[in-house]
Amino acid sequence: MPAIKINSIALAESQKKVLAKKYVEIFSEITNVPKDRVYIFFDGYELEDVGTAGIRFSEHQGKAWSKFNEDEWSKDPAIVEKIKKAME
């Protein structure tokens, strides 16, 4: 049972769908393991539990799209289209 584990700030469901599809497709293609035998696990962290350069994301949020700012980026047609296209 091959497993792919993604540790990240919490992601929106639409992002998880795209990542799961893409990672599993690539892994299966490269290893010849059937897609239904590749497992993917998402560990999403709260903004106060993740940081960079010594600053927690809850104190200084960047422009990364995540579950925490989904209400903002999900209203941008260009971003929504990019995610939809990636799901194809």
PDB file of N, CA and C in Angstrom:
ATOM      1  N   MET A   1       0.849  -1.183   0.000  1.00  0.00           N
ATOM      2  CA  MET A   1       0.000   0.000   0.000  1.00  0.00           C
ATOM      3  C   MET A   1       0.887   1.237   0.000  1.00  0.00           C
ATOM      4  N   PRO A   2       1.167   1.818  -1.142  1.00  0.00           N
ATOM      5  CA  PRO A   2       1.899   3.075  -1.166  1.00  0.00           C
ATOM      6  C   PRO A   2       1.022   4.187  -0.567  1.00  0.00           C
ATOM      7  N   ALA A   3       1.656   5.085   0.144  1.00  0.00           N
ATOM      8  CA  ALA A   3       0.929   6.188   0.756  1.00  0.00           C
ATOM      9  C   ALA A   3       1.647   7.504   0.484  1.00  0.00           C
ATOM     10  N   ILE A   4       0.849   8.510   0.188  1.00  0.00           N
ATOM     11  CA  ILE A   4       1.356   9.864   0.007  1.00  0.00           C
ATOM     12  C   ILE A   4       0.781  10.677   1.147  1.00  0.00           C
ATOM     13  N   LYS A   5       1.643  11.381   1.855  1.00  0.00           N
ATOM     14  CA  LYS A   5       1.189  12.184   2.988  1.00  0.00           C
ATOM     15  C   LYS A   5       1.519  13.644   2.713  1.00  0.00           C
ATOM     16  N   ILE A   6       0.510  14.494   2.843  1.00  0.00           N
ATOM     17  CA  ILE A   6       0.680  15.922   2.612  1.00  0.00           C
ATOM     18  C   ILE A   6       0.460  16.649   3.931  1.00  0.00           C
ATOM     19  N   ASN A   7       1.489  17.339   4.389  1.00  0.00           N
ATOM     20  CA  ASN A   7       1.404  18.180   5.585  1.00  0.00           C
ATOM     21  C   ASN A   7       1.363  19.620   5.106  1.00  0.00           C
ATOM     22  N   SER A   8       0.336  20.342   5.515  1.00  0.00           N
ATOM     23  CA  SER A   8       0.129  21.689   4.998  1.00  0.00           C
ATOM     24  C   SER A   8      -0.786  22.456   5.943  1.00  0.00           C
ATOM     25  N   ILE A   9      -0.905  23.766   5.687  1.00  0.00           N
ATOM     26  CA  ILE A   9      -1.995  24.465   6.353  1.00  0.00           C
ATOM     27  C   ILE A   9      -3.278  23.821   5.832  1.00  0.00           C
ATOM     28  N   ALA A  10      -4.356  23.949   6.569  1.00  0.00           N
ATOM     29  CA  ALA A  10      -5.608  23.319   6.168  1.00  0.00           C
ATOM     30  C   ALA A  10      -6.004  23.785   4.766  1.00  0.00           C
ATOM     31  N   LEU A  11      -6.375  22.816   3.929  1.00  0.00           N
ATOM     32  CA  LEU A  11      -6.741  23.096   2.543  1.00  0.00           C
ATOM     33  C   LEU A  11      -8.241  23.003   2.352  1.00  0.00           C
ATOM     34  N   ALA A  12      -8.732  23.707   1.358  1.00  0.00           N
ATOM     35  CA  ALA A  12     -10.147  23.629   0.990  1.00  0.00           C
ATOM     36  C   ALA A  12     -10.397  22.279   0.318  1.00  0.00           C
ATOM     37  N   GLU A  13     -11.625  21.811   0.358  1.00  0.00           N
ATOM     38  CA  GLU A  13     -11.971  20.524  -0.246  1.00  0.00           C
ATOM     39  C   GLU A  13     -11.635  20.497  -1.730  1.00  0.00           C
ATOM     40  N   SER A  14     -11.872  21.600  -2.435  1.00  0.00           N
ATOM     41  CA  SER A  14     -11.561  21.641  -3.862  1.00  0.00           C
ATOM     42  C   SER A  14     -10.063  21.466  -4.102  1.00  0.00           C
ATOM     43  N   GLN A  15      -9.250  22.016  -3.234  1.00  0.00           N
ATOM     44  CA  GLN A  15      -7.800  21.866  -3.361  1.00  0.00           C
ATOM     45  C   GLN A  15      -7.380  20.415  -3.103  1.00  0.00           C
ATOM     46  N   LYS A  16      -7.973  19.794  -2.096  1.00  0.00           N
ATOM     47  CA  LYS A  16      -7.652  18.404  -1.792  1.00  0.00           C
ATOM     48  C   LYS A  16      -8.012  17.496  -2.963  1.00  0.00           C
ATOM     49  N   LYS A  17      -9.150  17.747  -3.601  1.00  0.00           N
ATOM     50  CA  LYS A  17      -9.561  16.932  -4.748  1.00  0.00           C
ATOM     51  C   LYS A  17      -8.533  17.005  -5.864  1.00  0.00           C
ATOM     52  N   VAL A  18      -8.083  18.203  -6.181  1.00  0.00           N
ATOM     53  CA  VAL A  18      -7.101  18.385  -7.252  1.00  0.00           C
ATOM     54  C   VAL A  18      -5.787  17.712  -6.878  1.00  0.00           C
ATOM     55  N   LEU A  19      -5.292  17.973  -5.683  1.00  0.00           N
ATOM     56  CA  LEU A  19      -4.016  17.395  -5.259  1.00  0.00           C
ATOM     57  C   LEU A  19      -4.069  15.870  -5.222  1.00  0.00           C
ATOM     58  N   ALA A  20      -5.146  15.324  -4.688  1.00  0.00           N
ATOM     59  CA  ALA A  20      -5.281  13.865  -4.634  1.00  0.00           C
ATOM     60  C   ALA A  20      -5.241  13.275  -6.038  1.00  0.00           C
ATOM     61  N   LYS A  21      -5.990  13.853  -6.936  1.00  0.00           N
ATOM     62  CA  LYS A  21      -6.030  13.351  -8.308  1.00  0.00           C
ATOM     63  C   LYS A  21      -4.653  13.414  -8.960  1.00  0.00           C
ATOM     64  N   LYS A  22      -4.005  14.556  -8.867  1.00  0.00           N
ATOM     65  CA  LYS A  22      -2.718  14.761  -9.533  1.00  0.00           C
ATOM     66  C   LYS A  22      -1.620  13.874  -8.929  1.00  0.00           C
ATOM     67  N   TYR A  23      -1.504  13.861  -7.610  1.00  0.00           N
ATOM     68  CA  TYR A  23      -0.459  13.062  -6.969  1.00  0.00           C
ATOM     69  C   TYR A  23      -0.633  11.575  -7.283  1.00  0.00           C
ATOM     70  N   VAL A  24      -1.867  11.081  -7.164  1.00  0.00           N
ATOM     71  CA  VAL A  24      -2.110   9.659  -7.403  1.00  0.00           C
ATOM     72  C   VAL A  24      -1.860   9.311  -8.871  1.00  0.00           C
ATOM     73  N   GLU A  25      -2.296  10.173  -9.788  1.00  0.00           N
ATOM     74  CA  GLU A  25      -2.048   9.917 -11.208  1.00  0.00           C
ATOM     75  C   GLU A  25      -0.551   9.809 -11.495  1.00  0.00           C
ATOM     76  N   ILE A  26       0.209  10.747 -10.991  1.00  0.00           N
ATOM     77  CA  ILE A  26       1.656  10.744 -11.242  1.00  0.00           C
ATOM     78  C   ILE A  26       2.317   9.529 -10.597  1.00  0.00           C
ATOM     79  N   PHE A  27       1.962   9.246  -9.350  1.00  0.00           N
ATOM     80  CA  PHE A  27       2.562   8.102  -8.666  1.00  0.00           C
ATOM     81  C   PHE A  27       2.261   6.811  -9.410  1.00  0.00           C
ATOM     82  N   SER A  28       1.016   6.636  -9.803  1.00  0.00           N
ATOM     83  CA  SER A  28       0.605   5.440 -10.525  1.00  0.00           C
ATOM     84  C   SER A  28       1.331   5.317 -11.862  1.00  0.00           C
ATOM     85  N   GLU A  29       1.444   6.420 -12.568  1.00  0.00           N
ATOM     86  CA  GLU A  29       2.117   6.419 -13.868  1.00  0.00           C
ATOM     87  C   GLU A  29       3.590   6.026 -13.736  1.00  0.00           C
ATOM     88  N   ILE A  30       4.260   6.556 -12.737  1.00  0.00           N
ATOM     89  CA  ILE A  30       5.692   6.319 -12.567  1.00  0.00           C
ATOM     90  C   ILE A  30       5.987   4.932 -11.994  1.00  0.00           C
ATOM     91  N   THR A  31       5.094   4.407 -11.141  1.00  0.00           N
ATOM     92  CA  THR A  31       5.368   3.139 -10.457  1.00  0.00           C
ATOM     93  C   THR A  31       4.578   1.955 -11.008  1.00  0.00           C
ATOM     94  N   ASN A  32       3.578   2.220 -11.825  1.00  0.00           N
ATOM     95  CA  ASN A  32       2.684   1.191 -12.360  1.00  0.00           C
ATOM     96  C   ASN A  32       1.824   0.541 -11.268  1.00  0.00           C
ATOM     97  N   VAL A  33       1.682   1.190 -10.141  1.00  0.00           N
ATOM     98  CA  VAL A  33       0.776   0.737  -9.086  1.00  0.00           C
ATOM     99  C   VAL A  33      -0.621   1.243  -9.452  1.00  0.00           C
ATOM    100  N   PRO A  34      -1.643   0.394  -9.417  1.00  0.00           N
ATOM    101  CA  PRO A  34      -3.001   0.859  -9.740  1.00  0.00           C
ATOM    102  C   PRO A  34      -3.431   2.010  -8.831  1.00  0.00           C
ATOM    103  N   LYS A  35      -4.140   2.954  -9.417  1.00  0.00           N
ATOM    104  CA  LYS A  35      -4.567   4.152  -8.670  1.00  0.00           C
ATOM    105  C   LYS A  35      -5.353   3.798  -7.417  1.00  0.00           C
ATOM    106  N   ASP A  36      -6.162   2.727  -7.488  1.00  0.00           N
ATOM    107  CA  ASP A  36      -6.989   2.381  -6.321  1.00  0.00           C
ATOM    108  C   ASP A  36      -6.185   1.757  -5.184  1.00  0.00           C
ATOM    109  N   ARG A  37      -4.891   1.591  -5.402  1.00  0.00           N
ATOM    110  CA  ARG A  37      -4.032   1.050  -4.346  1.00  0.00           C
ATOM    111  C   ARG A  37      -3.110   2.107  -3.750  1.00  0.00           C
ATOM    112  N   VAL A  38      -3.231   3.326  -4.234  1.00  0.00           N
ATOM    113  CA  VAL A  38      -2.406   4.429  -3.733  1.00  0.00           C
ATOM    114  C   VAL A  38      -3.258   5.251  -2.767  1.00  0.00           C
ATOM    115  N   TYR A  39      -2.787   5.392  -1.561  1.00  0.00           N
ATOM    116  CA  TYR A  39      -3.512   6.141  -0.542  1.00  0.00           C
ATOM    117  C   TYR A  39      -2.895   7.530  -0.394  1.00  0.00           C
ATOM    118  N   ILE A  40      -3.754   8.493  -0.092  1.00  0.00           N
ATOM    119  CA  ILE A  40      -3.266   9.854   0.125  1.00  0.00           C
ATOM    120  C   ILE A  40      -3.868  10.372   1.433  1.00  0.00           C
ATOM    121  N   PHE A  41      -3.021  10.959   2.253  1.00  0.00           N
ATOM    122  CA  PHE A  41      -3.434  11.474   3.548  1.00  0.00           C
ATOM    123  C   PHE A  41      -3.120  12.963   3.625  1.00  0.00           C
ATOM    124  N   PHE A  42      -4.086  13.723   4.097  1.00  0.00           N
ATOM    125  CA  PHE A  42      -3.909  15.162   4.281  1.00  0.00           C
ATOM    126  C   PHE A  42      -3.891  15.476   5.772  1.00  0.00           C
ATOM    127  N   ASP A  43      -2.842  16.141   6.206  1.00  0.00           N
ATOM    128  CA  ASP A  43      -2.777  16.673   7.565  1.00  0.00           C
ATOM    129  C   ASP A  43      -2.809  18.185   7.443  1.00  0.00           C
ATOM    130  N   GLY A  44      -3.923  18.773   7.840  1.00  0.00           N
ATOM    131  CA  GLY A  44      -4.069  20.221   7.763  1.00  0.00           C
ATOM    132  C   GLY A  44      -3.872  20.856   9.119  1.00  0.00           C
ATOM    133  N   TYR A  45      -3.094  21.919   9.146  1.00  0.00           N
ATOM    134  CA  TYR A  45      -2.762  22.576  10.401  1.00  0.00           C
ATOM    135  C   TYR A  45      -3.405  23.947  10.489  1.00  0.00           C
ATOM    136  N   GLU A  46      -3.758  24.323  11.692  1.00  0.00           N
ATOM    137  CA  GLU A  46      -4.312  25.648  11.945  1.00  0.00           C
ATOM    138  C   GLU A  46      -3.215  26.690  11.736  1.00  0.00           C
ATOM    139  N   LEU A  47      -3.610  27.911  11.461  1.00  0.00           N
ATOM    140  CA  LEU A  47      -2.641  28.968  11.176  1.00  0.00           C
ATOM    141  C   LEU A  47      -1.696  29.243  12.344  1.00  0.00           C
ATOM    142  N   GLU A  48      -2.164  29.051  13.565  1.00  0.00           N
ATOM    143  CA  GLU A  48      -1.283  29.294  14.712  1.00  0.00           C
ATOM    144  C   GLU A  48      -0.293  28.144  14.930  1.00  0.00           C
ATOM    145  N   ASP A  49      -0.472  27.049  14.198  1.00  0.00           N
ATOM    146  CA  ASP A  49       0.417  25.895  14.330  1.00  0.00           C
ATOM    147  C   ASP A  49       1.458  25.803  13.214  1.00  0.00           C
ATOM    148  N   VAL A  50       1.496  26.785  12.326  1.00  0.00           N
ATOM    149  CA  VAL A  50       2.422  26.773  11.190  1.00  0.00           C
ATOM    150  C   VAL A  50       3.063  28.146  11.076  1.00  0.00           C
ATOM    151  N   GLY A  51       4.326  28.158  10.732  1.00  0.00           N
ATOM    152  CA  GLY A  51       4.994  29.439  10.554  1.00  0.00           C
ATOM    153  C   GLY A  51       6.191  29.328   9.649  1.00  0.00           C
ATOM    154  N   THR A  52       6.733  30.458   9.287  1.00  0.00           N
ATOM    155  CA  THR A  52       7.951  30.533   8.504  1.00  0.00           C
ATOM    156  C   THR A  52       8.687  31.802   8.908  1.00  0.00           C
ATOM    157  N   ALA A  53       9.987  31.758   8.810  1.00  0.00           N
ATOM    158  CA  ALA A  53      10.831  32.906   9.179  1.00  0.00           C
ATOM    159  C   ALA A  53      10.555  33.367  10.613  1.00  0.00           C
ATOM    160  N   GLY A  54      10.171  32.414  11.466  1.00  0.00           N
ATOM    161  CA  GLY A  54       9.947  32.733  12.873  1.00  0.00           C
ATOM    162  C   GLY A  54       8.624  33.415  13.173  1.00  0.00           C
ATOM    163  N   ILE A  55       7.728  33.472  12.190  1.00  0.00           N
ATOM    164  CA  ILE A  55       6.434  34.131  12.381  1.00  0.00           C
ATOM    165  C   ILE A  55       5.326  33.130  12.071  1.00  0.00           C
ATOM    166  N   ARG A  56       4.389  32.981  13.003  1.00  0.00           N
ATOM    167  CA  ARG A  56       3.260  32.087  12.762  1.00  0.00           C
ATOM    168  C   ARG A  56       2.349  32.702  11.715  1.00  0.00           C
ATOM    169  N   PHE A  57       1.728  31.861  10.900  1.00  0.00           N
ATOM    170  CA  PHE A  57       0.824  32.347   9.858  1.00  0.00           C
ATOM    171  C   PHE A  57      -0.353  33.122  10.444  1.00  0.00           C
ATOM    172  N   SER A  58      -0.760  32.781  11.663  1.00  0.00           N
ATOM    173  CA  SER A  58      -1.867  33.498  12.284  1.00  0.00           C
ATOM    174  C   SER A  58      -1.500  34.953  12.580  1.00  0.00           C
ATOM    175  N   GLU A  59      -0.204  35.223  12.688  1.00  0.00           N
ATOM    176  CA  GLU A  59       0.260  36.583  12.949  1.00  0.00           C
ATOM    177  C   GLU A  59       0.523  37.363  11.665  1.00  0.00           C
ATOM    178  N   HIS A  60       0.862  36.627  10.622  1.00  0.00           N
ATOM    179  CA  HIS A  60       1.187  37.279   9.344  1.00  0.00           C
ATOM    180  C   HIS A  60       0.852  36.315   8.206  1.00  0.00           C
ATOM    181  N   GLN A  61      -0.364  36.393   7.728  1.00  0.00           N
ATOM    182  CA  GLN A  61      -0.795  35.480   6.679  1.00  0.00           C
ATOM    183  C   GLN A  61      -0.277  35.935   5.323  1.00  0.00           C
ATOM    184  N   GLY A  62       0.200  34.968   4.580  1.00  0.00           N
ATOM    185  CA  GLY A  62       0.667  35.243   3.225  1.00  0.00           C
ATOM    186  C   GLY A  62      -0.473  35.179   2.231  1.00  0.00           C
ATOM    187  N   LYS A  63      -0.135  35.079   0.987  1.00  0.00           N
ATOM    188  CA  LYS A  63      -1.120  35.047  -0.080  1.00  0.00           C
ATOM    189  C   LYS A  63      -1.483  33.631  -0.519  1.00  0.00           C
ATOM    190  N   ALA A  64      -0.993  32.616   0.188  1.00  0.00           N
ATOM    191  CA  ALA A  64      -1.311  31.238  -0.182  1.00  0.00           C
ATOM    192  C   ALA A  64      -2.814  31.005  -0.067  1.00  0.00           C
ATOM    193  N   TRP A  65      -3.357  30.276  -1.009  1.00  0.00           N
ATOM    194  CA  TRP A  65      -4.779  29.927  -0.957  1.00  0.00           C
ATOM    195  C   TRP A  65      -4.925  28.736  -0.043  1.00  0.00           C
ATOM    196  N   SER A  66      -5.840  28.825   0.906  1.00  0.00           N
ATOM    197  CA  SER A  66      -6.066  27.727   1.840  1.00  0.00           C
ATOM    198  C   SER A  66      -7.497  27.774   2.324  1.00  0.00           C
ATOM    199  N   LYS A  67      -7.819  26.867   3.219  1.00  0.00           N
ATOM    200  CA  LYS A  67      -9.153  26.825   3.816  1.00  0.00           C
ATOM    201  C   LYS A  67      -9.453  28.121   4.575  1.00  0.00           C
ATOM    202  N   PHE A  68      -8.408  28.729   5.153  1.00  0.00           N
ATOM    203  CA  PHE A  68      -8.595  29.882   6.021  1.00  0.00           C
ATOM    204  C   PHE A  68      -8.976  31.161   5.275  1.00  0.00           C
ATOM    205  N   ASN A  69      -8.625  31.254   4.004  1.00  0.00           N
ATOM    206  CA  ASN A  69      -9.019  32.434   3.230  1.00  0.00           C
ATOM    207  C   ASN A  69      -9.830  32.053   1.995  1.00  0.00           C
ATOM    208  N   GLU A  70     -10.457  30.886   2.062  1.00  0.00           N
ATOM    209  CA  GLU A  70     -11.253  30.386   0.937  1.00  0.00           C
ATOM    210  C   GLU A  70     -12.366  31.356   0.551  1.00  0.00           C
ATOM    211  N   ASP A  71     -12.957  32.034   1.537  1.00  0.00           N
ATOM    212  CA  ASP A  71     -14.032  32.971   1.226  1.00  0.00           C
ATOM    213  C   ASP A  71     -13.552  34.111   0.332  1.00  0.00           C
ATOM    214  N   GLU A  72     -12.258  34.418   0.373  1.00  0.00           N
ATOM    215  CA  GLU A  72     -11.694  35.468  -0.486  1.00  0.00           C
ATOM    216  C   GLU A  72     -11.345  34.925  -1.870  1.00  0.00           C
ATOM    217  N   TRP A  73     -10.477  33.895  -1.929  1.00  0.00           N
ATOM    218  CA  TRP A  73     -10.001  33.420  -3.228  1.00  0.00           C
ATOM    219  C   TRP A  73     -11.073  32.691  -4.021  1.00  0.00           C
ATOM    220  N   SER A  74     -12.080  32.119  -3.343  1.00  0.00           N
ATOM    221  CA  SER A  74     -13.121  31.384  -4.070  1.00  0.00           C
ATOM    222  C   SER A  74     -14.064  32.317  -4.833  1.00  0.00           C
ATOM    223  N   LYS A  75     -13.954  33.621  -4.596  1.00  0.00           N
ATOM    224  CA  LYS A  75     -14.765  34.602  -5.324  1.00  0.00           C
ATOM    225  C   LYS A  75     -14.031  35.155  -6.547  1.00  0.00           C
ATOM    226  N   ASP A  76     -12.769  34.779  -6.690  1.00  0.00           N
ATOM    227  CA  ASP A  76     -11.970  35.252  -7.817  1.00  0.00           C
ATOM    228  C   ASP A  76     -12.143  34.275  -8.978  1.00  0.00           C
ATOM    229  N   PRO A  77     -12.800  34.713 -10.065  1.00  0.00           N
ATOM    230  CA  PRO A  77     -13.076  33.803 -11.189  1.00  0.00           C
ATOM    231  C   PRO A  77     -11.818  33.162 -11.777  1.00  0.00           C
ATOM    232  N   ALA A  78     -10.722  33.880 -11.802  1.00  0.00           N
ATOM    233  CA  ALA A  78      -9.482  33.335 -12.370  1.00  0.00           C
ATOM    234  C   ALA A  78      -8.958  32.169 -11.529  1.00  0.00           C
ATOM    235  N   ILE A  79      -9.024  32.310 -10.222  1.00  0.00           N
ATOM    236  CA  ILE A  79      -8.553  31.247  -9.336  1.00  0.00           C
ATOM    237  C   ILE A  79      -9.480  30.042  -9.415  1.00  0.00           C
ATOM    238  N   VAL A  80     -10.776  30.295  -9.385  1.00  0.00           N
ATOM    239  CA  VAL A  80     -11.753  29.214  -9.476  1.00  0.00           C
ATOM    240  C   VAL A  80     -11.574  28.444 -10.790  1.00  0.00           C
ATOM    241  N   GLU A  81     -11.378  29.159 -11.865  1.00  0.00           N
ATOM    242  CA  GLU A  81     -11.173  28.516 -13.168  1.00  0.00           C
ATOM    243  C   GLU A  81      -9.884  27.695 -13.178  1.00  0.00           C
ATOM    244  N   LYS A  82      -8.858  28.200 -12.540  1.00  0.00           N
ATOM    245  CA  LYS A  82      -7.577  27.484 -12.472  1.00  0.00           C
ATOM    246  C   LYS A  82      -7.757  26.153 -11.742  1.00  0.00           C
ATOM    247  N   ILE A  83      -8.506  26.160 -10.648  1.00  0.00           N
ATOM    248  CA  ILE A  83      -8.739  24.936  -9.884  1.00  0.00           C
ATOM    249  C   ILE A  83      -9.618  23.978 -10.681  1.00  0.00           C
ATOM    250  N   LYS A  84     -10.661  24.493 -11.337  1.00  0.00           N
ATOM    251  CA  LYS A  84     -11.517  23.643 -12.158  1.00  0.00           C
ATOM    252  C   LYS A  84     -10.727  23.001 -13.293  1.00  0.00           C
ATOM    253  N   LYS A  85      -9.878  23.780 -13.930  1.00  0.00           N
ATOM    254  CA  LYS A  85      -9.069  23.257 -15.033  1.00  0.00           C
ATOM    255  C   LYS A  85      -8.111  22.171 -14.540  1.00  0.00           C
ATOM    256  N   ALA A  86      -7.564  22.366 -13.357  1.00  0.00           N
ATOM    257  CA  ALA A  86      -6.651  21.373 -12.797  1.00  0.00           C
ATOM    258  C   ALA A  86      -7.358  20.065 -12.482  1.00  0.00           C
ATOM    259  N   MET A  87      -8.668  20.122 -12.256  1.00  0.00           N
ATOM    260  CA  MET A  87      -9.441  18.917 -11.931  1.00  0.00           C
ATOM    261  C   MET A  87      -9.740  18.076 -13.179  1.00  0.00           C
ATOM    262  N   GLU A  88      -9.550  18.623 -14.357  1.00  0.00           N
ATOM    263  CA  GLU A  88      -9.865  17.901 -15.591  1.00  0.00           C
ATOM    264  C   GLU A  88      -8.902  16.763 -15.826  1.00  0.00           C
TER     265      GLU A  88
END
